[in-house]
Amino acid sequence: MSGRKSYTSEKLNDRFDNPFTLVNYAISLTKERLRRDPGSETNPVIDVLEIIASGEDLLIEEDNDEQEEEAEPAS
């Protein structure tokens, strides 16, 4: 198993209630990534885990929230 990165860290433990929550979240991001780019040449699971570990997924969520707010009509 040498040469593989470890994706477990205290940061991830602080962000997720338990490992199952992390796995379910990673699955949902991977499904979305495959839906958007089904012909990806890289392993989408590894890509998503790297995104989560680096915290980049938080930026993606913020962008999605802003887009949803812009799409809602003003009352």
C-alpha atoms as a PDB file:
ATOM      1  CA  MET A   1       0.000   0.000   0.000  1.00  0.00           C
ATOM      2  CA  SER A   2       3.001   2.258  -0.236  1.00  0.00           C
ATOM      3  CA  GLY A   3       2.688   5.341  -2.383  1.00  0.00           C
ATOM      4  CA  ARG A   4      -0.998   5.875  -1.642  1.00  0.00           C
ATOM      5  CA  LYS A   5      -2.222   9.029  -0.014  1.00  0.00           C
ATOM      6  CA  SER A   6      -4.162   8.840   3.213  1.00  0.00           C
ATOM      7  CA  TYR A   7      -7.375  10.862   3.116  1.00  0.00           C
ATOM      8  CA  THR A   8      -8.220  10.469   6.798  1.00  0.00           C
ATOM      9  CA  SER A   9      -7.529  13.521   8.933  1.00  0.00           C
ATOM     10  CA  GLU A  10      -8.844  15.423  11.897  1.00  0.00           C
ATOM     11  CA  LYS A  11     -10.234  18.087   9.544  1.00  0.00           C
ATOM     12  CA  LEU A  12     -12.474  15.505   7.916  1.00  0.00           C
ATOM     13  CA  ASN A  13     -13.501  14.115  11.294  1.00  0.00           C
ATOM     14  CA  ASP A  14     -14.522  17.629  12.370  1.00  0.00           C
ATOM     15  CA  ARG A  15     -16.562  18.207   9.213  1.00  0.00           C
ATOM     16  CA  PHE A  16     -18.532  14.954   9.252  1.00  0.00           C
ATOM     17  CA  ASP A  17     -20.516  13.326  12.060  1.00  0.00           C
ATOM     18  CA  ASN A  18     -19.209   9.872  11.211  1.00  0.00           C
ATOM     19  CA  PRO A  19     -17.400   8.010   8.408  1.00  0.00           C
ATOM     20  CA  PHE A  20     -20.702   6.966   6.813  1.00  0.00           C
ATOM     21  CA  THR A  21     -21.680  10.599   6.343  1.00  0.00           C
ATOM     22  CA  LEU A  22     -18.363  11.253   4.621  1.00  0.00           C
ATOM     23  CA  VAL A  23     -18.808   8.229   2.352  1.00  0.00           C
ATOM     24  CA  ASN A  24     -22.359   9.204   1.409  1.00  0.00           C
ATOM     25  CA  TYR A  25     -21.221  12.750   0.682  1.00  0.00           C
ATOM     26  CA  ALA A  26     -18.332  11.493  -1.474  1.00  0.00           C
ATOM     27  CA  ILE A  27     -20.716   9.197  -3.356  1.00  0.00           C
ATOM     28  CA  SER A  28     -23.095  12.069  -4.109  1.00  0.00           C
ATOM     29  CA  LEU A  29     -20.242  14.284  -5.367  1.00  0.00           C
ATOM     30  CA  THR A  30     -18.868  11.436  -7.491  1.00  0.00           C
ATOM     31  CA  LYS A  31     -22.279  10.767  -9.051  1.00  0.00           C
ATOM     32  CA  GLU A  32     -22.627  14.454  -9.894  1.00  0.00           C
ATOM     33  CA  ARG A  33     -19.125  14.544 -11.378  1.00  0.00           C
ATOM     34  CA  LEU A  34     -19.866  11.466 -13.518  1.00  0.00           C
ATOM     35  CA  ARG A  35     -23.146  13.009 -14.668  1.00  0.00           C
ATOM     36  CA  ARG A  36     -21.338  16.181 -15.771  1.00  0.00           C
ATOM     37  CA  ASP A  37     -18.270  14.479 -17.289  1.00  0.00           C
ATOM     38  CA  PRO A  38     -18.881  10.792 -18.055  1.00  0.00           C
ATOM     39  CA  GLY A  39     -15.744  10.479 -20.205  1.00  0.00           C
ATOM     40  CA  SER A  40     -13.244  11.614 -17.602  1.00  0.00           C
ATOM     41  CA  GLU A  41      -9.777  10.119 -18.019  1.00  0.00           C
ATOM     42  CA  THR A  42      -9.016  10.244 -14.296  1.00  0.00           C
ATOM     43  CA  ASN A  43     -10.551   8.225 -11.477  1.00  0.00           C
ATOM     44  CA  PRO A  44     -13.490  10.377 -10.296  1.00  0.00           C
ATOM     45  CA  VAL A  45     -13.538   8.768  -6.844  1.00  0.00           C
ATOM     46  CA  ILE A  46      -9.927   9.727  -6.168  1.00  0.00           C
ATOM     47  CA  ASP A  47     -10.559  13.202  -7.608  1.00  0.00           C
ATOM     48  CA  VAL A  48     -13.538  13.737  -5.296  1.00  0.00           C
ATOM     49  CA  LEU A  49     -11.662  12.497  -2.228  1.00  0.00           C
ATOM     50  CA  GLU A  50      -8.818  14.876  -3.010  1.00  0.00           C
ATOM     51  CA  ILE A  51     -11.311  17.744  -3.416  1.00  0.00           C
ATOM     52  CA  ILE A  52     -12.960  16.938  -0.073  1.00  0.00           C
ATOM     53  CA  ALA A  53      -9.607  16.555   1.706  1.00  0.00           C
ATOM     54  CA  SER A  54      -8.385  19.911   0.374  1.00  0.00           C
ATOM     55  CA  GLY A  55     -11.629  21.694   1.301  1.00  0.00           C
ATOM     56  CA  GLU A  56     -12.316  22.737  -2.298  1.00  0.00           C
ATOM     57  CA  ASP A  57     -15.779  21.164  -2.092  1.00  0.00           C
ATOM     58  CA  LEU A  58     -16.808  23.946   0.291  1.00  0.00           C
ATOM     59  CA  LEU A  59     -16.132  26.459  -2.477  1.00  0.00           C
ATOM     60  CA  ILE A  60     -18.228  24.415  -4.909  1.00  0.00           C
ATOM     61  CA  GLU A  61     -21.143  24.319  -2.432  1.00  0.00           C
ATOM     62  CA  GLU A  62     -20.954  28.092  -1.919  1.00  0.00           C
ATOM     63  CA  ASP A  63     -21.053  28.678  -5.697  1.00  0.00           C
ATOM     64  CA  ASN A  64     -24.087  26.382  -6.034  1.00  0.00           C
ATOM     65  CA  ASP A  65     -25.896  28.174  -3.190  1.00  0.00           C
ATOM     66  CA  GLU A  66     -25.272  31.555  -4.820  1.00  0.00           C
ATOM     67  CA  GLN A  67     -26.545  30.303  -8.190  1.00  0.00           C
ATOM     68  CA  GLU A  68     -29.719  28.936  -6.579  1.00  0.00           C
ATOM     69  CA  GLU A  69     -30.352  32.264  -4.852  1.00  0.00           C
ATOM     70  CA  GLU A  70     -29.934  34.153  -8.143  1.00  0.00           C
ATOM     71  CA  ALA A  71     -32.351  31.777  -9.892  1.00  0.00           C
ATOM     72  CA  GLU A  72     -35.145  32.351  -7.344  1.00  0.00           C
ATOM     73  CA  PRO A  73     -37.548  35.141  -8.330  1.00  0.00           C
ATOM     74  CA  ALA A  74     -37.769  38.070  -5.955  1.00  0.00           C
ATOM     75  CA  SER A  75     -41.031  38.345  -4.013  1.00  0.00           C
END
